[in-house]
């Protein structure tokens, strides 16, 4: 398997994860074909509303793509913090404000990750 196939597979998995975690969105309501615009101001308002809806949909789509990446980065940061905490404890720094904060943060992150998996 070459690098390109591996990256395409990862991209496909990421896309599936985004689709699975996508919150439901409301469909964009479009005017019926029989609706007739009578003035330029109503046309302008409709066009503006449509553009706003499209913009919001794009922002939502980009946000959905960011969720899996943030989740992976949080897991990596938790692993780094655990490793640093183990090193500190092995060197004799078992107590202290920073060590207690690190333990607390690890616990909170693990609970958050566990609740997001459920």
Protein backbone atom coordinates (compact mmCIF):
# COMPACT_ATOMS: atom_id res chain seq x y z
CA UNK A 1 0.00 0.00 0.00
CA UNK A 2 1.53 3.29 -0.98
CA UNK A 3 1.29 6.61 0.83
CA UNK A 4 -1.40 7.97 -1.50
CA UNK A 5 -3.71 4.99 -0.94
CA UNK A 6 -3.17 5.25 2.81
CA UNK A 7 -4.01 8.96 2.87
CA UNK A 8 -7.09 8.37 0.69
CA UNK A 9 -8.25 5.66 3.08
CA UNK A 10 -7.72 7.96 6.06
CA UNK A 11 -9.64 10.73 4.30
CA UNK A 12 -12.51 8.34 3.57
CA UNK A 13 -12.61 7.20 7.21
CA UNK A 14 -12.55 10.83 8.39
CA UNK A 15 -15.41 11.69 6.01
CA UNK A 16 -17.49 8.76 7.28
CA UNK A 17 -16.85 9.81 10.87
CA UNK A 18 -17.95 13.36 10.07
CA UNK A 19 -21.15 12.07 8.45
CA UNK A 20 -21.89 9.82 11.43
CA UNK A 21 -21.42 12.62 13.96
CA UNK A 22 -23.23 15.25 11.89
CA UNK A 23 -26.05 16.81 13.86
CA UNK A 24 -29.34 17.05 12.03
CA UNK A 25 -29.86 20.31 10.18
CA UNK A 26 -33.01 21.87 8.91
CA UNK A 27 -33.45 21.87 5.14
CA UNK A 28 -33.32 25.21 3.38
CA UNK A 29 -36.82 26.27 2.41
CA UNK A 30 -37.05 27.51 -1.11
CA UNK A 31 -40.02 29.37 -2.58
CA UNK A 32 -42.43 27.28 -4.64
CA UNK A 33 -42.20 27.55 -8.39
CA UNK A 34 -45.64 29.14 -8.53
CA UNK A 35 -44.61 31.94 -6.15
CA UNK A 36 -44.09 35.08 -8.15
CA UNK A 37 -41.86 37.94 -7.08
CA UNK A 38 -43.68 41.20 -7.54
CA UNK A 39 -41.03 43.70 -6.56
CA UNK A 40 -37.28 44.00 -6.65
CA UNK A 41 -37.15 44.46 -2.87
CA UNK A 42 -38.75 41.07 -2.19
CA UNK A 43 -36.36 39.47 -4.70
CA UNK A 44 -33.44 41.15 -3.01
CA UNK A 45 -34.60 39.95 0.41
CA UNK A 46 -35.03 36.40 -0.85
CA UNK A 47 -31.60 36.42 -2.46
CA UNK A 48 -30.03 37.77 0.72
CA UNK A 49 -31.78 35.14 2.82
CA UNK A 50 -30.64 32.38 0.47
CA UNK A 51 -27.04 33.62 0.61
CA UNK A 52 -27.16 33.72 4.41
CA UNK A 53 -28.54 30.16 4.51
CA UNK A 54 -25.78 28.94 2.20
CA UNK A 55 -23.14 30.68 4.31
CA UNK A 56 -24.48 29.13 7.51
CA UNK A 57 -24.53 25.69 5.88
CA UNK A 58 -20.88 26.11 4.84
CA UNK A 59 -19.88 27.14 8.37
CA UNK A 60 -21.70 24.11 9.79
CA UNK A 61 -20.00 21.78 7.31
CA UNK A 62 -16.56 23.15 8.17
CA UNK A 63 -17.30 22.84 11.88
CA UNK A 64 -18.36 19.21 11.44
CA UNK A 65 -15.05 18.44 9.76
CA UNK A 66 -13.14 19.96 12.67
CA UNK A 67 -14.74 17.78 15.36
CA UNK A 68 -12.82 14.54 14.62
CA UNK A 69 -9.54 16.45 14.40
CA UNK A 70 -10.14 18.17 17.75
CA UNK A 71 -11.05 14.81 19.29
CA UNK A 72 -7.77 13.25 18.10
CA UNK A 73 -5.76 16.23 19.32
CA UNK A 74 -7.42 16.01 22.75
CA UNK A 75 -6.55 12.31 22.98
CA UNK A 76 -2.93 13.06 22.02
CA UNK A 77 -2.69 15.86 24.59
CA UNK A 78 -4.09 13.54 27.27
CA UNK A 79 -1.43 10.95 26.39
CA UNK A 80 1.33 13.57 26.56
CA UNK A 81 0.09 14.83 29.93
CA UNK A 82 -0.10 11.27 31.30
CA UNK A 83 3.47 10.61 30.16
CA UNK A 84 4.72 13.80 31.77
CA UNK A 85 2.86 12.98 34.99
CA UNK A 86 4.45 9.51 35.12
CA UNK A 87 7.90 11.04 34.63
CA UNK A 88 7.27 13.53 37.44
CA UNK A 89 6.04 10.83 39.79
CA UNK A 90 9.06 8.64 39.01
CA UNK A 91 11.40 11.53 39.77
CA UNK A 92 9.80 12.03 43.19
CA UNK A 93 7.36 14.86 42.47
CA UNK A 94 4.22 13.05 43.57
CA UNK A 95 2.55 16.04 45.19
CA UNK A 96 2.15 19.67 44.35
CA UNK A 97 -0.36 22.01 42.82
CA UNK A 98 0.69 21.30 39.21
CA UNK A 99 0.69 17.52 39.73
CA UNK A 100 -2.76 17.64 41.31
CA UNK A 101 -4.01 19.85 38.46
CA UNK A 102 -2.60 17.41 35.91
CA UNK A 103 -4.39 14.47 37.56
CA UNK A 104 -7.62 16.46 37.66
CA UNK A 105 -7.34 17.43 33.99
CA UNK A 106 -6.61 13.85 32.94
CA UNK A 107 -9.70 12.65 34.83
CA UNK A 108 -11.90 15.33 33.28
CA UNK A 109 -10.64 14.63 29.76
CA UNK A 110 -11.14 10.88 30.17
CA UNK A 111 -14.72 11.45 31.33
CA UNK A 112 -15.33 13.79 28.39
CA UNK A 113 -13.90 11.32 25.88
CA UNK A 114 -15.87 8.47 27.41
CA UNK A 115 -19.13 10.43 27.26
CA UNK A 116 -18.50 11.38 23.62
CA UNK A 117 -18.08 7.69 22.71
CA UNK A 118 -21.46 6.75 24.24
